[in-house]
Amino acid sequence: MPKSELEIRTHNIGRFRRADLPADTLELARFLVGKTLVHDLPIGRLSGRIVETEAYPVGDPAGHAFRGLTRANRSLFLAHGHAYVHFTYGSCWLMNVTSETPGIGGGVLIRAIEPLDGIIWMERHRGVSQLRDLARGPGRLAAALLIDKRFDGLDLCDASSPLWLGGAVLPQSRIGVSPRIGISRATHRRLRFYERGNSFVSGPLRLRR
């Protein structure tokens, strides 16, 4: 597809309203694969196809909501379609989407995107030029799209939000399911969803097939 046609598509996608998003963690994690994550900035639009997610449902011991509502995780208990952004490993921010009804803690980690708009700016933010590695992994993704604590609790469904979710701009391939990556609890649960065969998916090759 000519780049100009793809650019037209990305600039004409509609924002998801809350009613468009499933109010269930597993359903939302699967639903978001193939959809678009957008950050509109004064310098232009940064966007990418979501190609990998992980679900952290209600009662999940690996989830940040497991021990109940705290000052640090309160955004996770907002209505589905809000951002929950937290710092991890002492080095990077991670972008999650709340996934349950108000007062119920659950979230979907956005693990990887296939860059679409603003690639030159993503390269500068990340300090790399390898397209495949710009946003392959949740820490890289947040750095590429300039997502940090300022966006914690942001309503991604608000028409004025600079950070938002939109529809698909390209056909979606088959969705694969596997155990989650990089956690130490409930490691057996198959709660990672990804686009099969997509080179922008994170993790070892056997988890991209």
C-alpha atoms as a PDB file:
ATOM      1  CA  MET A   1       0.000   0.000   0.000  1.00  0.00           C
ATOM      2  CA  PRO A   2       1.432   3.453  -0.882  1.00  0.00           C
ATOM      3  CA  LYS A   3       2.495   5.345   2.221  1.00  0.00           C
ATOM      4  CA  SER A   4       0.284   8.287   1.330  1.00  0.00           C
ATOM      5  CA  GLU A   5      -2.796   6.068   1.347  1.00  0.00           C
ATOM      6  CA  LEU A   6      -1.881   4.653   4.747  1.00  0.00           C
ATOM      7  CA  GLU A   7      -1.340   8.166   6.096  1.00  0.00           C
ATOM      8  CA  ILE A   8      -4.809   9.120   4.860  1.00  0.00           C
ATOM      9  CA  ARG A   9      -6.262   6.143   6.696  1.00  0.00           C
ATOM     10  CA  THR A  10      -4.519   6.938   9.973  1.00  0.00           C
ATOM     11  CA  HIS A  11      -5.651  10.544   9.873  1.00  0.00           C
ATOM     12  CA  ASN A  12      -9.259   9.567   9.268  1.00  0.00           C
ATOM     13  CA  ILE A  13      -9.711   6.889  11.904  1.00  0.00           C
ATOM     14  CA  GLY A  14     -12.370   7.492  14.519  1.00  0.00           C
ATOM     15  CA  ARG A  15     -11.781   7.543  18.244  1.00  0.00           C
ATOM     16  CA  PHE A  16     -13.320   4.759  20.234  1.00  0.00           C
ATOM     17  CA  ARG A  17     -16.048   5.794  22.606  1.00  0.00           C
ATOM     18  CA  ARG A  18     -16.363   3.954  25.889  1.00  0.00           C
ATOM     19  CA  ALA A  19     -19.373   2.084  24.537  1.00  0.00           C
ATOM     20  CA  ASP A  20     -17.167   0.721  21.737  1.00  0.00           C
ATOM     21  CA  LEU A  21     -14.786  -0.980  24.168  1.00  0.00           C
ATOM     22  CA  PRO A  22     -15.539  -4.258  25.968  1.00  0.00           C
ATOM     23  CA  ALA A  23     -15.872  -3.817  29.742  1.00  0.00           C
ATOM     24  CA  ASP A  24     -14.069  -7.096  30.377  1.00  0.00           C
ATOM     25  CA  THR A  25     -10.315  -7.505  30.685  1.00  0.00           C
ATOM     26  CA  LEU A  26      -9.815 -10.589  28.510  1.00  0.00           C
ATOM     27  CA  GLU A  27     -12.207  -9.365  25.842  1.00  0.00           C
ATOM     28  CA  LEU A  28     -10.536  -5.956  25.722  1.00  0.00           C
ATOM     29  CA  ALA A  29      -7.040  -7.462  25.499  1.00  0.00           C
ATOM     30  CA  ARG A  30      -8.065  -9.459  22.437  1.00  0.00           C
ATOM     31  CA  PHE A  31     -10.128  -6.617  20.970  1.00  0.00           C
ATOM     32  CA  LEU A  32      -7.245  -4.130  21.023  1.00  0.00           C
ATOM     33  CA  VAL A  33      -4.944  -6.267  18.860  1.00  0.00           C
ATOM     34  CA  GLY A  34      -4.971  -4.683  15.413  1.00  0.00           C
ATOM     35  CA  LYS A  35      -6.414  -1.392  16.634  1.00  0.00           C
ATOM     36  CA  THR A  36      -4.552   1.938  16.733  1.00  0.00           C
ATOM     37  CA  LEU A  37      -2.878   3.822  19.580  1.00  0.00           C
ATOM     38  CA  VAL A  38      -2.497   7.541  18.836  1.00  0.00           C
ATOM     39  CA  HIS A  39      -0.654  10.394  20.544  1.00  0.00           C
ATOM     40  CA  ASP A  40      -1.329  13.803  18.984  1.00  0.00           C
ATOM     41  CA  LEU A  41       1.440  16.315  19.682  1.00  0.00           C
ATOM     42  CA  PRO A  42       2.208  19.853  18.485  1.00  0.00           C
ATOM     43  CA  ILE A  43       4.969  18.335  16.322  1.00  0.00           C
ATOM     44  CA  GLY A  44       2.478  15.972  14.682  1.00  0.00           C
ATOM     45  CA  ARG A  45       0.853  12.606  15.174  1.00  0.00           C
ATOM     46  CA  LEU A  46       2.542   9.542  16.614  1.00  0.00           C
ATOM     47  CA  SER A  47       0.633   6.327  16.074  1.00  0.00           C
ATOM     48  CA  GLY A  48       0.943   2.600  15.701  1.00  0.00           C
ATOM     49  CA  ARG A  49      -1.021  -0.612  15.272  1.00  0.00           C
ATOM     50  CA  ILE A  50      -1.341  -2.479  18.542  1.00  0.00           C
ATOM     51  CA  VAL A  51       0.127  -5.918  17.861  1.00  0.00           C
ATOM     52  CA  GLU A  52       0.538  -7.312  21.392  1.00  0.00           C
ATOM     53  CA  THR A  53      -1.337  -7.014  24.695  1.00  0.00           C
ATOM     54  CA  GLU A  54      -1.459  -8.722  28.083  1.00  0.00           C
ATOM     55  CA  ALA A  55      -4.528  -9.076  30.295  1.00  0.00           C
ATOM     56  CA  TYR A  56      -4.435  -8.549  34.060  1.00  0.00           C
ATOM     57  CA  PRO A  57      -7.993  -9.434  35.080  1.00  0.00           C
ATOM     58  CA  VAL A  58      -9.818  -9.170  38.389  1.00  0.00           C
ATOM     59  CA  GLY A  59      -8.237 -11.332  41.082  1.00  0.00           C
ATOM     60  CA  ASP A  60      -5.002 -11.884  39.156  1.00  0.00           C
ATOM     61  CA  PRO A  61      -2.076 -12.126  41.610  1.00  0.00           C
ATOM     62  CA  ALA A  62       0.223 -10.676  38.939  1.00  0.00           C
ATOM     63  CA  GLY A  63      -1.963  -7.570  38.558  1.00  0.00           C
ATOM     64  CA  HIS A  64      -1.424  -4.255  40.328  1.00  0.00           C
ATOM     65  CA  ALA A  65      -5.048  -4.262  41.523  1.00  0.00           C
ATOM     66  CA  PHE A  66      -4.711  -7.572  43.368  1.00  0.00           C
ATOM     67  CA  ARG A  67      -4.153  -6.022  46.814  1.00  0.00           C
ATOM     68  CA  GLY A  68      -6.970  -3.524  46.396  1.00  0.00           C
ATOM     69  CA  LEU A  69      -7.246   0.201  45.801  1.00  0.00           C
ATOM     70  CA  THR A  70      -4.204   2.287  46.762  1.00  0.00           C
ATOM     71  CA  ARG A  71      -3.015   5.783  46.001  1.00  0.00           C
ATOM     72  CA  ALA A  72      -0.572   4.370  43.442  1.00  0.00           C
ATOM     73  CA  ASN A  73      -3.024   2.180  41.510  1.00  0.00           C
ATOM     74  CA  ARG A  74      -6.257   4.142  41.801  1.00  0.00           C
ATOM     75  CA  SER A  75      -6.372   4.765  38.034  1.00  0.00           C
ATOM     76  CA  LEU A  76      -6.829   1.011  37.522  1.00  0.00           C
ATOM     77  CA  PHE A  77     -10.204   1.245  39.248  1.00  0.00           C
ATOM     78  CA  LEU A  78     -11.607   3.852  36.840  1.00  0.00           C
ATOM     79  CA  ALA A  79     -14.118   2.927  34.140  1.00  0.00           C
ATOM     80  CA  HIS A  80     -12.704   0.962  31.211  1.00  0.00           C
ATOM     81  CA  GLY A  81     -10.952   3.119  28.628  1.00  0.00           C
ATOM     82  CA  HIS A  82      -8.695   5.138  30.940  1.00  0.00           C
ATOM     83  CA  ALA A  83      -4.898   5.093  30.973  1.00  0.00           C
ATOM     84  CA  TYR A  84      -2.957   3.511  33.820  1.00  0.00           C
ATOM     85  CA  VAL A  85       0.710   4.460  33.469  1.00  0.00           C
ATOM     86  CA  HIS A  86       3.282   3.237  35.959  1.00  0.00           C
ATOM     87  CA  PHE A  87       7.066   3.169  36.331  1.00  0.00           C
ATOM     88  CA  THR A  88       8.805  -0.191  36.483  1.00  0.00           C
ATOM     89  CA  TYR A  89      12.257  -1.782  36.662  1.00  0.00           C
ATOM     90  CA  GLY A  90      13.537   1.621  37.767  1.00  0.00           C
ATOM     91  CA  SER A  91      13.890   2.607  34.139  1.00  0.00           C
ATOM     92  CA  CYS A  92      10.707   2.800  32.073  1.00  0.00           C
ATOM     93  CA  TRP A  93       7.020   3.664  31.938  1.00  0.00           C
ATOM     94  CA  LEU A  94       4.345   1.156  30.943  1.00  0.00           C
ATOM     95  CA  MET A  95       1.030   1.984  29.279  1.00  0.00           C
ATOM     96  CA  ASN A  96      -2.115   0.097  30.342  1.00  0.00           C
ATOM     97  CA  VAL A  97      -5.796   0.523  29.516  1.00  0.00           C
ATOM     98  CA  THR A  98      -8.337   0.070  32.314  1.00  0.00           C
ATOM     99  CA  SER A  99     -10.700  -2.738  31.468  1.00  0.00           C
ATOM    100  CA  GLU A 100     -13.533  -3.129  33.974  1.00  0.00           C
ATOM    101  CA  THR A 101     -16.471  -1.136  35.335  1.00  0.00           C
ATOM    102  CA  PRO A 102     -15.831   1.715  37.838  1.00  0.00           C
ATOM    103  CA  GLY A 103     -14.537   0.481  41.171  1.00  0.00           C
ATOM    104  CA  ILE A 104     -13.307  -2.851  39.778  1.00  0.00           C
ATOM    105  CA  GLY A 105      -9.554  -3.101  39.201  1.00  0.00           C
ATOM    106  CA  GLY A 106      -8.320  -4.617  35.952  1.00  0.00           C
ATOM    107  CA  GLY A 107      -6.089  -3.597  33.082  1.00  0.00           C
ATOM    108  CA  VAL A 108      -4.588  -4.440  29.706  1.00  0.00           C
ATOM    109  CA  LEU A 109      -0.893  -3.798  29.158  1.00  0.00           C
ATOM    110  CA  ILE A 110      -0.069  -2.537  25.665  1.00  0.00           C
ATOM    111  CA  ARG A 111       3.126  -4.471  24.939  1.00  0.00           C
ATOM    112  CA  ALA A 112       3.987  -3.529  21.354  1.00  0.00           C
ATOM    113  CA  ILE A 113       2.917  -1.482  18.355  1.00  0.00           C
ATOM    114  CA  GLU A 114       3.792  -1.473  14.674  1.00  0.00           C
ATOM    115  CA  PRO A 115       4.759   2.194  14.031  1.00  0.00           C
ATOM    116  CA  LEU A 116       2.634   4.127  11.544  1.00  0.00           C
ATOM    117  CA  ASP A 117       2.802   7.913  11.963  1.00  0.00           C
ATOM    118  CA  GLY A 118       5.691  10.014  13.271  1.00  0.00           C
ATOM    119  CA  ILE A 119       8.383   7.385  12.832  1.00  0.00           C
ATOM    120  CA  ILE A 120      11.152   9.991  12.557  1.00  0.00           C
ATOM    121  CA  TRP A 121      10.107  11.406  15.922  1.00  0.00           C
ATOM    122  CA  MET A 122       9.925   7.970  17.508  1.00  0.00           C
ATOM    123  CA  GLU A 123      13.490   7.348  16.332  1.00  0.00           C
ATOM    124  CA  ARG A 124      14.634  10.536  18.044  1.00  0.00           C
ATOM    125  CA  HIS A 125      12.775   9.730  21.256  1.00  0.00           C
ATOM    126  CA  ARG A 126      14.296   6.252  21.373  1.00  0.00           C
ATOM    127  CA  GLY A 127      17.735   7.105  19.972  1.00  0.00           C
ATOM    128  CA  VAL A 128      17.553   4.207  17.518  1.00  0.00           C
ATOM    129  CA  SER A 129      16.875   3.885  13.801  1.00  0.00           C
ATOM    130  CA  GLN A 130      15.904   0.200  13.603  1.00  0.00           C
ATOM    131  CA  LEU A 131      12.178   0.347  12.796  1.00  0.00           C
ATOM    132  CA  ARG A 132      11.459  -3.089  14.256  1.00  0.00           C
ATOM    133  CA  ASP A 133      12.830  -2.089  17.660  1.00  0.00           C
ATOM    134  CA  LEU A 134      11.175   1.320  18.053  1.00  0.00           C
ATOM    135  CA  ALA A 135       8.188   0.104  20.064  1.00  0.00           C
ATOM    136  CA  ARG A 136       8.677  -3.659  20.409  1.00  0.00           C
ATOM    137  CA  GLY A 137       8.127  -4.043  24.130  1.00  0.00           C
ATOM    138  CA  PRO A 138       6.110  -1.918  26.587  1.00  0.00           C
ATOM    139  CA  GLY A 139       8.999   0.240  27.828  1.00  0.00           C
ATOM    140  CA  ARG A 140      10.173   1.038  24.315  1.00  0.00           C
ATOM    141  CA  LEU A 141       6.588   1.770  23.287  1.00  0.00           C
ATOM    142  CA  ALA A 142       6.079   4.349  26.034  1.00  0.00           C
ATOM    143  CA  ALA A 143       9.404   6.025  25.262  1.00  0.00           C
ATOM    144  CA  ALA A 144       8.702   6.160  21.514  1.00  0.00           C
ATOM    145  CA  LEU A 145       5.258   7.720  22.035  1.00  0.00           C
ATOM    146  CA  LEU A 146       6.346  10.009  24.904  1.00  0.00           C
ATOM    147  CA  ILE A 147       3.950   8.390  27.382  1.00  0.00           C
ATOM    148  CA  ASP A 148       4.744   8.950  31.054  1.00  0.00           C
ATOM    149  CA  LYS A 149       3.099   9.633  34.426  1.00  0.00           C
ATOM    150  CA  ARG A 150       1.367  12.752  33.071  1.00  0.00           C
ATOM    151  CA  PHE A 151      -1.091  10.453  31.306  1.00  0.00           C
ATOM    152  CA  ASP A 152      -1.970   8.280  34.299  1.00  0.00           C
ATOM    153  CA  GLY A 153      -5.744   8.437  34.762  1.00  0.00           C
ATOM    154  CA  LEU A 154      -6.345  10.117  31.392  1.00  0.00           C
ATOM    155  CA  ASP A 155      -9.673   9.311  29.762  1.00  0.00           C
ATOM    156  CA  LEU A 156      -8.682   7.788  26.427  1.00  0.00           C
ATOM    157  CA  CYS A 157     -12.291   8.091  25.236  1.00  0.00           C
ATOM    158  CA  ASP A 158     -12.541  11.846  25.795  1.00  0.00           C
ATOM    159  CA  ALA A 159     -12.789  13.757  22.513  1.00  0.00           C
ATOM    160  CA  SER A 160     -10.155  16.239  23.705  1.00  0.00           C
ATOM    161  CA  SER A 161      -7.592  13.691  24.864  1.00  0.00           C
ATOM    162  CA  PRO A 162      -4.250  13.833  22.991  1.00  0.00           C
ATOM    163  CA  LEU A 163      -3.724  10.130  23.729  1.00  0.00           C
ATOM    164  CA  TRP A 164      -6.456   7.855  22.404  1.00  0.00           C
ATOM    165  CA  LEU A 165      -7.508   4.567  20.854  1.00  0.00           C
ATOM    166  CA  GLY A 166      -8.898   4.202  17.343  1.00  0.00           C
ATOM    167  CA  GLY A 167     -10.027   1.611  14.835  1.00  0.00           C
ATOM    168  CA  ALA A 168      -7.926  -0.618  12.607  1.00  0.00           C
ATOM    169  CA  VAL A 169      -6.225   0.848   9.546  1.00  0.00           C
ATOM    170  CA  LEU A 170      -4.974  -2.464   8.109  1.00  0.00           C
ATOM    171  CA  PRO A 171      -6.436  -5.970   7.966  1.00  0.00           C
ATOM    172  CA  GLN A 172      -5.724  -8.028  11.071  1.00  0.00           C
ATOM    173  CA  SER A 173      -3.964 -11.382  10.924  1.00  0.00           C
ATOM    174  CA  ARG A 174      -4.765 -14.296  13.217  1.00  0.00           C
ATOM    175  CA  ILE A 175      -4.456 -13.639  16.940  1.00  0.00           C
ATOM    176  CA  GLY A 176      -2.165 -15.878  18.957  1.00  0.00           C
ATOM    177  CA  VAL A 177      -2.432 -16.572  22.689  1.00  0.00           C
ATOM    178  CA  SER A 178       0.393 -17.449  25.107  1.00  0.00           C
ATOM    179  CA  PRO A 179       1.513 -17.105  28.719  1.00  0.00           C
ATOM    180  CA  ARG A 180       2.553 -13.594  29.740  1.00  0.00           C
ATOM    181  CA  ILE A 181       6.163 -12.400  29.625  1.00  0.00           C
ATOM    182  CA  GLY A 182       8.420 -11.018  32.344  1.00  0.00           C
ATOM    183  CA  ILE A 183       6.302 -11.758  35.425  1.00  0.00           C
ATOM    184  CA  SER A 184       6.890 -14.011  38.418  1.00  0.00           C
ATOM    185  CA  ARG A 185       3.303 -14.778  39.503  1.00  0.00           C
ATOM    186  CA  ALA A 186       0.587 -16.721  37.678  1.00  0.00           C
ATOM    187  CA  THR A 187       3.074 -17.389  34.904  1.00  0.00           C
ATOM    188  CA  HIS A 188       1.025 -20.284  33.520  1.00  0.00           C
ATOM    189  CA  ARG A 189      -2.003 -18.166  32.565  1.00  0.00           C
ATOM    190  CA  ARG A 190      -2.462 -17.705  28.821  1.00  0.00           C
ATOM    191  CA  LEU A 191      -3.318 -14.016  28.910  1.00  0.00           C
ATOM    192  CA  ARG A 192      -0.989 -12.592  26.259  1.00  0.00           C
ATOM    193  CA  PHE A 193      -2.566 -11.801  22.885  1.00  0.00           C
ATOM    194  CA  TYR A 194      -0.615 -10.950  19.741  1.00  0.00           C
ATOM    195  CA  GLU A 195      -0.802 -10.771  15.969  1.00  0.00           C
ATOM    196  CA  ARG A 196       0.746 -13.983  14.648  1.00  0.00           C
ATOM    197  CA  GLY A 197       3.812 -13.586  12.472  1.00  0.00           C
ATOM    198  CA  ASN A 198       4.155  -9.839  13.069  1.00  0.00           C
ATOM    199  CA  SER A 199       7.833  -8.897  13.442  1.00  0.00           C
ATOM    200  CA  PHE A 200       6.959  -6.002  15.778  1.00  0.00           C
ATOM    201  CA  VAL A 201       5.707  -8.368  18.498  1.00  0.00           C
ATOM    202  CA  SER A 202       8.071  -8.620  21.482  1.00  0.00           C
ATOM    203  CA  GLY A 203       9.571 -11.730  23.045  1.00  0.00           C
ATOM    204  CA  PRO A 204      11.357 -14.731  21.531  1.00  0.00           C
ATOM    205  CA  LEU A 205      10.487 -16.003  18.079  1.00  0.00           C
ATOM    206  CA  ARG A 206       8.577 -19.011  19.439  1.00  0.00           C
ATOM    207  CA  LEU A 207       6.128 -16.570  21.080  1.00  0.00           C
ATOM    208  CA  ARG A 208       5.479 -14.688  17.835  1.00  0.00           C
ATOM    209  CA  ARG A 209       4.420 -17.652  15.708  1.00  0.00           C
END
